Amino acid sequence: LAFASLEREALPPEIWNSQPIELGDIIISVETADRQAQEQNHSLKQEIAWLASHGLLHLLGWDHPDPERLEEMLTQQHQLLTCVGLH
């Protein structure tokens, strides 16, 4: 789960580029992540990385109200995990 601290539109653009911003919180149930990892046949580390990156994208404003947007978000998530060496 991801809980945003701020609405992005509430701050002037110059603030987003000049100061550290607390985006919000990401909460991951390790027990649920472990179960999902077993169901998907991959490691707990991989599942937690997947969930954390998905939550981060939500905090950055990404959403998936339809299949097309979900595919775009999952592509972005894959790129993020690849960049940090977790995919």
PDB file of N, CA and C in Angstrom:
ATOM      1  N   LEU A   1       0.842  -1.180   0.000  1.00  0.00           N
ATOM      2  CA  LEU A   1       0.000   0.000   0.000  1.00  0.00           C
ATOM      3  C   LEU A   1       0.880   1.232   0.000  1.00  0.00           C
ATOM      4  N   ALA A   2       0.455   2.258  -0.715  1.00  0.00           N
ATOM      5  CA  ALA A   2       1.185   3.524  -0.763  1.00  0.00           C
ATOM      6  C   ALA A   2       0.240   4.645  -0.351  1.00  0.00           C
ATOM      7  N   PHE A   3       0.724   5.483   0.550  1.00  0.00           N
ATOM      8  CA  PHE A   3      -0.071   6.602   1.038  1.00  0.00           C
ATOM      9  C   PHE A   3       0.690   7.888   0.767  1.00  0.00           C
ATOM     10  N   ALA A   4       0.181   8.706  -0.133  1.00  0.00           N
ATOM     11  CA  ALA A   4       0.845   9.955  -0.499  1.00  0.00           C
ATOM     12  C   ALA A   4       0.743  10.973   0.627  1.00  0.00           C
ATOM     13  N   SER A   5       1.840  11.699   0.861  1.00  0.00           N
ATOM     14  CA  SER A   5       1.841  12.779   1.848  1.00  0.00           C
ATOM     15  C   SER A   5       1.256  14.049   1.269  1.00  0.00           C
ATOM     16  N   LEU A   6       1.442  14.247  -0.013  1.00  0.00           N
ATOM     17  CA  LEU A   6       1.028  15.475  -0.685  1.00  0.00           C
ATOM     18  C   LEU A   6       0.361  15.149  -2.011  1.00  0.00           C
ATOM     19  N   GLU A   7      -0.446  16.065  -2.464  1.00  0.00           N
ATOM     20  CA  GLU A   7      -0.926  16.004  -3.838  1.00  0.00           C
ATOM     21  C   GLU A   7       0.071  16.792  -4.673  1.00  0.00           C
ATOM     22  N   ARG A   8       0.581  16.190  -5.716  1.00  0.00           N
ATOM     23  CA  ARG A   8       1.620  16.834  -6.523  1.00  0.00           C
ATOM     24  C   ARG A   8       1.176  18.202  -7.024  1.00  0.00           C
ATOM     25  N   GLU A   9      -0.092  18.336  -7.387  1.00  0.00           N
ATOM     26  CA  GLU A   9      -0.579  19.597  -7.934  1.00  0.00           C
ATOM     27  C   GLU A   9      -0.603  20.708  -6.882  1.00  0.00           C
ATOM     28  N   ALA A  10      -0.490  20.360  -5.596  1.00  0.00           N
ATOM     29  CA  ALA A  10      -0.583  21.359  -4.531  1.00  0.00           C
ATOM     30  C   ALA A  10       0.689  22.185  -4.378  1.00  0.00           C
ATOM     31  N   LEU A  11       1.796  21.760  -4.955  1.00  0.00           N
ATOM     32  CA  LEU A  11       3.055  22.480  -4.820  1.00  0.00           C
ATOM     33  C   LEU A  11       3.464  23.108  -6.144  1.00  0.00           C
ATOM     34  N   PRO A  12       4.090  24.289  -6.077  1.00  0.00           N
ATOM     35  CA  PRO A  12       4.597  24.900  -7.314  1.00  0.00           C
ATOM     36  C   PRO A  12       5.706  24.035  -7.920  1.00  0.00           C
ATOM     37  N   PRO A  13       5.821  24.010  -9.236  1.00  0.00           N
ATOM     38  CA  PRO A  13       6.823  23.162  -9.901  1.00  0.00           C
ATOM     39  C   PRO A  13       8.250  23.397  -9.420  1.00  0.00           C
ATOM     40  N   GLU A  14       8.609  24.634  -9.087  1.00  0.00           N
ATOM     41  CA  GLU A  14       9.986  24.900  -8.658  1.00  0.00           C
ATOM     42  C   GLU A  14      10.325  24.181  -7.346  1.00  0.00           C
ATOM     43  N   ILE A  15       9.339  23.922  -6.518  1.00  0.00           N
ATOM     44  CA  ILE A  15       9.585  23.190  -5.270  1.00  0.00           C
ATOM     45  C   ILE A  15       9.978  21.750  -5.579  1.00  0.00           C
ATOM     46  N   TRP A  16       9.313  21.131  -6.545  1.00  0.00           N
ATOM     47  CA  TRP A  16       9.598  19.735  -6.885  1.00  0.00           C
ATOM     48  C   TRP A  16      11.026  19.551  -7.376  1.00  0.00           C
ATOM     49  N   ASN A  17      11.598  20.585  -7.977  1.00  0.00           N
ATOM     50  CA  ASN A  17      12.928  20.470  -8.553  1.00  0.00           C
ATOM     51  C   ASN A  17      14.029  20.991  -7.649  1.00  0.00           C
ATOM     52  N   SER A  18      13.690  21.641  -6.535  1.00  0.00           N
ATOM     53  CA  SER A  18      14.724  22.300  -5.748  1.00  0.00           C
ATOM     54  C   SER A  18      14.872  21.781  -4.319  1.00  0.00           C
ATOM     55  N   GLN A  19      13.923  21.006  -3.825  1.00  0.00           N
ATOM     56  CA  GLN A  19      13.970  20.580  -2.430  1.00  0.00           C
ATOM     57  C   GLN A  19      13.599  19.108  -2.302  1.00  0.00           C
ATOM     58  N   PRO A  20      14.174  18.451  -1.279  1.00  0.00           N
ATOM     59  CA  PRO A  20      13.710  17.084  -1.004  1.00  0.00           C
ATOM     60  C   PRO A  20      12.245  17.130  -0.565  1.00  0.00           C
ATOM     61  N   ILE A  21      11.470  16.199  -1.045  1.00  0.00           N
ATOM     62  CA  ILE A  21      10.044  16.150  -0.735  1.00  0.00           C
ATOM     63  C   ILE A  21       9.727  14.772  -0.149  1.00  0.00           C
ATOM     64  N   GLU A  22       8.986  14.743   0.947  1.00  0.00           N
ATOM     65  CA  GLU A  22       8.501  13.470   1.470  1.00  0.00           C
ATOM     66  C   GLU A  22       7.291  13.069   0.637  1.00  0.00           C
ATOM     67  N   LEU A  23       7.447  12.024  -0.150  1.00  0.00           N
ATOM     68  CA  LEU A  23       6.373  11.592  -1.040  1.00  0.00           C
ATOM     69  C   LEU A  23       5.249  10.893  -0.292  1.00  0.00           C
ATOM     70  N   GLY A  24       5.592  10.125   0.712  1.00  0.00           N
ATOM     71  CA  GLY A  24       4.583   9.378   1.451  1.00  0.00           C
ATOM     72  C   GLY A  24       5.166   8.107   2.017  1.00  0.00           C
ATOM     73  N   ASP A  25       4.301   7.173   2.318  1.00  0.00           N
ATOM     74  CA  ASP A  25       4.700   5.912   2.937  1.00  0.00           C
ATOM     75  C   ASP A  25       4.307   4.736   2.056  1.00  0.00           C
ATOM     76  N   ILE A  26       5.145   3.718   2.096  1.00  0.00           N
ATOM     77  CA  ILE A  26       4.846   2.450   1.432  1.00  0.00           C
ATOM     78  C   ILE A  26       4.833   1.388   2.525  1.00  0.00           C
ATOM     79  N   ILE A  27       3.746   0.663   2.613  1.00  0.00           N
ATOM     80  CA  ILE A  27       3.610  -0.382   3.629  1.00  0.00           C
ATOM     81  C   ILE A  27       3.519  -1.730   2.924  1.00  0.00           C
ATOM     82  N   ILE A  28       4.399  -2.641   3.332  1.00  0.00           N
ATOM     83  CA  ILE A  28       4.438  -3.974   2.735  1.00  0.00           C
ATOM     84  C   ILE A  28       4.301  -5.004   3.848  1.00  0.00           C
ATOM     85  N   SER A  29       3.346  -5.886   3.716  1.00  0.00           N
ATOM     86  CA  SER A  29       3.203  -7.013   4.638  1.00  0.00           C
ATOM     87  C   SER A  29       4.183  -8.098   4.198  1.00  0.00           C
ATOM     88  N   VAL A  30       5.182  -8.360   5.038  1.00  0.00           N
ATOM     89  CA  VAL A  30       6.180  -9.368   4.687  1.00  0.00           C
ATOM     90  C   VAL A  30       5.529 -10.746   4.566  1.00  0.00           C
ATOM     91  N   GLU A  31       4.554 -11.024   5.418  1.00  0.00           N
ATOM     92  CA  GLU A  31       3.874 -12.318   5.352  1.00  0.00           C
ATOM     93  C   GLU A  31       3.143 -12.481   4.017  1.00  0.00           C
ATOM     94  N   THR A  32       2.433 -11.436   3.600  1.00  0.00           N
ATOM     95  CA  THR A  32       1.728 -11.493   2.316  1.00  0.00           C
ATOM     96  C   THR A  32       2.722 -11.559   1.166  1.00  0.00           C
ATOM     97  N   ALA A  33       3.796 -10.777   1.257  1.00  0.00           N
ATOM     98  CA  ALA A  33       4.822 -10.797   0.211  1.00  0.00           C
ATOM     99  C   ALA A  33       5.444 -12.183   0.099  1.00  0.00           C
ATOM    100  N   ASP A  34       5.691 -12.828   1.232  1.00  0.00           N
ATOM    101  CA  ASP A  34       6.268 -14.170   1.214  1.00  0.00           C
ATOM    102  C   ASP A  34       5.323 -15.162   0.542  1.00  0.00           C
ATOM    103  N   ARG A  35       4.041 -15.072   0.865  1.00  0.00           N
ATOM    104  CA  ARG A  35       3.050 -15.958   0.239  1.00  0.00           C
ATOM    105  C   ARG A  35       2.994 -15.717  -1.267  1.00  0.00           C
ATOM    106  N   GLN A  36       2.959 -14.446  -1.667  1.00  0.00           N
ATOM    107  CA  GLN A  36       2.904 -14.109  -3.099  1.00  0.00           C
ATOM    108  C   GLN A  36       4.171 -14.560  -3.813  1.00  0.00           C
ATOM    109  N   ALA A  37       5.319 -14.431  -3.162  1.00  0.00           N
ATOM    110  CA  ALA A  37       6.576 -14.880  -3.769  1.00  0.00           C
ATOM    111  C   ALA A  37       6.532 -16.381  -4.030  1.00  0.00           C
ATOM    112  N   GLN A  38       6.018 -17.125  -3.073  1.00  0.00           N
ATOM    113  CA  GLN A  38       5.906 -18.574  -3.260  1.00  0.00           C
ATOM    114  C   GLN A  38       4.940 -18.907  -4.392  1.00  0.00           C
ATOM    115  N   GLU A  39       3.820 -18.180  -4.460  1.00  0.00           N
ATOM    116  CA  GLU A  39       2.837 -18.409  -5.531  1.00  0.00           C
ATOM    117  C   GLU A  39       3.428 -18.098  -6.903  1.00  0.00           C
ATOM    118  N   GLN A  40       4.289 -17.079  -6.978  1.00  0.00           N
ATOM    119  CA  GLN A  40       4.891 -16.670  -8.249  1.00  0.00           C
ATOM    120  C   GLN A  40       6.214 -17.385  -8.526  1.00  0.00           C
ATOM    121  N   ASN A  41       6.644 -18.200  -7.555  1.00  0.00           N
ATOM    122  CA  ASN A  41       7.882 -18.969  -7.686  1.00  0.00           C
ATOM    123  C   ASN A  41       9.113 -18.080  -7.869  1.00  0.00           C
ATOM    124  N   HIS A  42       9.200 -17.040  -7.048  1.00  0.00           N
ATOM    125  CA  HIS A  42      10.414 -16.232  -7.001  1.00  0.00           C
ATOM    126  C   HIS A  42      10.729 -15.868  -5.555  1.00  0.00           C
ATOM    127  N   SER A  43      11.839 -15.188  -5.334  1.00  0.00           N
ATOM    128  CA  SER A  43      12.310 -14.929  -3.974  1.00  0.00           C
ATOM    129  C   SER A  43      11.496 -13.841  -3.274  1.00  0.00           C
ATOM    130  N   LEU A  44      11.569 -13.869  -1.950  1.00  0.00           N
ATOM    131  CA  LEU A  44      10.937 -12.819  -1.156  1.00  0.00           C
ATOM    132  C   LEU A  44      11.566 -11.469  -1.486  1.00  0.00           C
ATOM    133  N   LYS A  45      12.880 -11.436  -1.670  1.00  0.00           N
ATOM    134  CA  LYS A  45      13.569 -10.192  -2.030  1.00  0.00           C
ATOM    135  C   LYS A  45      12.998  -9.617  -3.325  1.00  0.00           C
ATOM    136  N   GLN A  46      12.792 -10.456  -4.311  1.00  0.00           N
ATOM    137  CA  GLN A  46      12.251 -10.001  -5.590  1.00  0.00           C
ATOM    138  C   GLN A  46      10.826  -9.475  -5.419  1.00  0.00           C
ATOM    139  N   GLU A  47      10.018 -10.158  -4.621  1.00  0.00           N
ATOM    140  CA  GLU A  47       8.635  -9.722  -4.410  1.00  0.00           C
ATOM    141  C   GLU A  47       8.587  -8.380  -3.678  1.00  0.00           C
ATOM    142  N   ILE A  48       9.417  -8.225  -2.645  1.00  0.00           N
ATOM    143  CA  ILE A  48       9.433  -6.957  -1.910  1.00  0.00           C
ATOM    144  C   ILE A  48       9.925  -5.832  -2.808  1.00  0.00           C
ATOM    145  N   ALA A  49      10.924  -6.088  -3.635  1.00  0.00           N
ATOM    146  CA  ALA A  49      11.392  -5.067  -4.583  1.00  0.00           C
ATOM    147  C   ALA A  49      10.274  -4.686  -5.548  1.00  0.00           C
ATOM    148  N   TRP A  50       9.529  -5.687  -6.017  1.00  0.00           N
ATOM    149  CA  TRP A  50       8.417  -5.439  -6.940  1.00  0.00           C
ATOM    150  C   TRP A  50       7.347  -4.577  -6.271  1.00  0.00           C
ATOM    151  N   LEU A  51       6.970  -4.942  -5.045  1.00  0.00           N
ATOM    152  CA  LEU A  51       5.931  -4.199  -4.330  1.00  0.00           C
ATOM    153  C   LEU A  51       6.390  -2.779  -3.989  1.00  0.00           C
ATOM    154  N   ALA A  52       7.642  -2.640  -3.548  1.00  0.00           N
ATOM    155  CA  ALA A  52       8.163  -1.315  -3.197  1.00  0.00           C
ATOM    156  C   ALA A  52       8.240  -0.409  -4.423  1.00  0.00           C
ATOM    157  N   SER A  53       8.699  -0.946  -5.544  1.00  0.00           N
ATOM    158  CA  SER A  53       8.791  -0.129  -6.757  1.00  0.00           C
ATOM    159  C   SER A  53       7.406   0.253  -7.260  1.00  0.00           C
ATOM    160  N   HIS A  54       6.451  -0.638  -7.126  1.00  0.00           N
ATOM    161  CA  HIS A  54       5.080  -0.342  -7.542  1.00  0.00           C
ATOM    162  C   HIS A  54       4.508   0.776  -6.667  1.00  0.00           C
ATOM    163  N   GLY A  55       4.738   0.671  -5.358  1.00  0.00           N
ATOM    164  CA  GLY A  55       4.283   1.718  -4.446  1.00  0.00           C
ATOM    165  C   GLY A  55       4.947   3.051  -4.731  1.00  0.00           C
ATOM    166  N   LEU A  56       6.251   3.028  -5.026  1.00  0.00           N
ATOM    167  CA  LEU A  56       6.966   4.262  -5.350  1.00  0.00           C
ATOM    168  C   LEU A  56       6.367   4.930  -6.581  1.00  0.00           C
ATOM    169  N   LEU A  57       6.070   4.153  -7.597  1.00  0.00           N
ATOM    170  CA  LEU A  57       5.467   4.739  -8.798  1.00  0.00           C
ATOM    171  C   LEU A  57       4.113   5.364  -8.487  1.00  0.00           C
ATOM    172  N   HIS A  58       3.332   4.733  -7.616  1.00  0.00           N
ATOM    173  CA  HIS A  58       2.061   5.347  -7.205  1.00  0.00           C
ATOM    174  C   HIS A  58       2.319   6.686  -6.512  1.00  0.00           C
ATOM    175  N   LEU A  59       3.324   6.743  -5.633  1.00  0.00           N
ATOM    176  CA  LEU A  59       3.638   7.996  -4.944  1.00  0.00           C
ATOM    177  C   LEU A  59       4.119   9.072  -5.911  1.00  0.00           C
ATOM    178  N   LEU A  60       4.688   8.649  -7.022  1.00  0.00           N
ATOM    179  CA  LEU A  60       5.141   9.598  -8.045  1.00  0.00           C
ATOM    180  C   LEU A  60       4.031  10.001  -9.009  1.00  0.00           C
ATOM    181  N   GLY A  61       2.826   9.461  -8.794  1.00  0.00           N
ATOM    182  CA  GLY A  61       1.684   9.877  -9.599  1.00  0.00           C
ATOM    183  C   GLY A  61       1.189   8.878 -10.623  1.00  0.00           C
ATOM    184  N   TRP A  62       1.865   7.747 -10.757  1.00  0.00           N
ATOM    185  CA  TRP A  62       1.415   6.727 -11.699  1.00  0.00           C
ATOM    186  C   TRP A  62       0.168   6.040 -11.159  1.00  0.00           C
ATOM    187  N   ASP A  63      -0.694   5.616 -12.061  1.00  0.00           N
ATOM    188  CA  ASP A  63      -1.883   4.864 -11.686  1.00  0.00           C
ATOM    189  C   ASP A  63      -2.229   3.926 -12.831  1.00  0.00           C
ATOM    190  N   HIS A  64      -3.111   2.994 -12.582  1.00  0.00           N
ATOM    191  CA  HIS A  64      -3.480   2.019 -13.611  1.00  0.00           C
ATOM    192  C   HIS A  64      -4.982   1.769 -13.591  1.00  0.00           C
ATOM    193  N   PRO A  65      -5.759   2.784 -14.036  1.00  0.00           N
ATOM    194  CA  PRO A  65      -7.213   2.625 -14.050  1.00  0.00           C
ATOM    195  C   PRO A  65      -7.725   1.726 -15.178  1.00  0.00           C
ATOM    196  N   ASP A  66      -6.873   1.430 -16.142  1.00  0.00           N
ATOM    197  CA  ASP A  66      -7.290   0.588 -17.261  1.00  0.00           C
ATOM    198  C   ASP A  66      -6.093  -0.250 -17.719  1.00  0.00           C
ATOM    199  N   PRO A  67      -6.326  -1.273 -18.534  1.00  0.00           N
ATOM    200  CA  PRO A  67      -5.238  -2.166 -18.957  1.00  0.00           C
ATOM    201  C   PRO A  67      -4.086  -1.446 -19.662  1.00  0.00           C
ATOM    202  N   GLU A  68      -4.386  -0.437 -20.450  1.00  0.00           N
ATOM    203  CA  GLU A  68      -3.327   0.290 -21.164  1.00  0.00           C
ATOM    204  C   GLU A  68      -2.398   1.006 -20.188  1.00  0.00           C
ATOM    205  N   ARG A  69      -2.975   1.702 -19.219  1.00  0.00           N
ATOM    206  CA  ARG A  69      -2.162   2.410 -18.217  1.00  0.00           C
ATOM    207  C   ARG A  69      -1.411   1.416 -17.330  1.00  0.00           C
ATOM    208  N   LEU A  70      -2.027   0.274 -17.037  1.00  0.00           N
ATOM    209  CA  LEU A  70      -1.342  -0.750 -16.250  1.00  0.00           C
ATOM    210  C   LEU A  70      -0.101  -1.224 -16.994  1.00  0.00           C
ATOM    211  N   GLU A  71      -0.226  -1.464 -18.279  1.00  0.00           N
ATOM    212  CA  GLU A  71       0.920  -1.910 -19.073  1.00  0.00           C
ATOM    213  C   GLU A  71       2.024  -0.860 -19.077  1.00  0.00           C
ATOM    214  N   GLU A  72       1.660   0.413 -19.209  1.00  0.00           N
ATOM    215  CA  GLU A  72       2.649   1.494 -19.163  1.00  0.00           C
ATOM    216  C   GLU A  72       3.348   1.534 -17.807  1.00  0.00           C
ATOM    217  N   MET A  73       2.566   1.383 -16.744  1.00  0.00           N
ATOM    218  CA  MET A  73       3.142   1.426 -15.401  1.00  0.00           C
ATOM    219  C   MET A  73       4.051   0.229 -15.160  1.00  0.00           C
ATOM    220  N   LEU A  74       3.647  -0.949 -15.593  1.00  0.00           N
ATOM    221  CA  LEU A  74       4.478  -2.137 -15.413  1.00  0.00           C
ATOM    222  C   LEU A  74       5.775  -2.037 -16.207  1.00  0.00           C
ATOM    223  N   THR A  75       5.723  -1.414 -17.381  1.00  0.00           N
ATOM    224  CA  THR A  75       6.942  -1.177 -18.158  1.00  0.00           C
ATOM    225  C   THR A  75       7.876  -0.248 -17.397  1.00  0.00           C
ATOM    226  N   GLN A  76       7.325   0.818 -16.833  1.00  0.00           N
ATOM    227  CA  GLN A  76       8.123   1.753 -16.043  1.00  0.00           C
ATOM    228  C   GLN A  76       8.712   1.045 -14.818  1.00  0.00           C
ATOM    229  N   GLN A  77       7.928   0.200 -14.199  1.00  0.00           N
ATOM    230  CA  GLN A  77       8.380  -0.543 -13.026  1.00  0.00           C
ATOM    231  C   GLN A  77       9.531  -1.478 -13.394  1.00  0.00           C
ATOM    232  N   HIS A  78       9.408  -2.159 -14.503  1.00  0.00           N
ATOM    233  CA  HIS A  78      10.474  -3.046 -14.980  1.00  0.00           C
ATOM    234  C   HIS A  78      11.758  -2.251 -15.218  1.00  0.00           C
ATOM    235  N   GLN A  79      11.641  -1.080 -15.842  1.00  0.00           N
ATOM    236  CA  GLN A  79      12.813  -0.238 -16.099  1.00  0.00           C
ATOM    237  C   GLN A  79      13.458   0.219 -14.794  1.00  0.00           C
ATOM    238  N   LEU A  80      12.644   0.596 -13.820  1.00  0.00           N
ATOM    239  CA  LEU A  80      13.162   1.024 -12.528  1.00  0.00           C
ATOM    240  C   LEU A  80      13.936  -0.103 -11.850  1.00  0.00           C
ATOM    241  N   LEU A  81      13.355  -1.284 -11.813  1.00  0.00           N
ATOM    242  CA  LEU A  81      14.023  -2.420 -11.176  1.00  0.00           C
ATOM    243  C   LEU A  81      15.301  -2.806 -11.913  1.00  0.00           C
ATOM    244  N   THR A  82      15.301  -2.696 -13.227  1.00  0.00           N
ATOM    245  CA  THR A  82      16.501  -2.983 -14.009  1.00  0.00           C
ATOM    246  C   THR A  82      17.599  -1.971 -13.695  1.00  0.00           C
ATOM    247  N   CYS A  83      17.234  -0.700 -13.587  1.00  0.00           N
ATOM    248  CA  CYS A  83      18.214   0.360 -13.288  1.00  0.00           C
ATOM    249  C   CYS A  83      18.908   0.155 -11.951  1.00  0.00           C
ATOM    250  N   VAL A  84      18.201  -0.389 -10.978  1.00  0.00           N
ATOM    251  CA  VAL A  84      18.801  -0.583  -9.656  1.00  0.00           C
ATOM    252  C   VAL A  84      19.316  -2.015  -9.464  1.00  0.00           C
ATOM    253  N   GLY A  85      19.302  -2.797 -10.539  1.00  0.00           N
ATOM    254  CA  GLY A  85      19.869  -4.136 -10.500  1.00  0.00           C
ATOM    255  C   GLY A  85      19.033  -5.175  -9.781  1.00  0.00           C
ATOM    256  N   LEU A  86      17.725  -4.964  -9.748  1.00  0.00           N
ATOM    257  CA  LEU A  86      16.851  -5.910  -9.056  1.00  0.00           C
ATOM    258  C   LEU A  86      15.900  -6.635  -9.989  1.00  0.00           C
ATOM    259  N   HIS A  87      16.163  -6.601 -11.274  1.00  0.00           N
ATOM    260  CA  HIS A  87      15.302  -7.345 -12.203  1.00  0.00           C
ATOM    261  C   HIS A  87      16.152  -8.077 -13.201  1.00  0.00           C
TER     262      HIS A  87
END
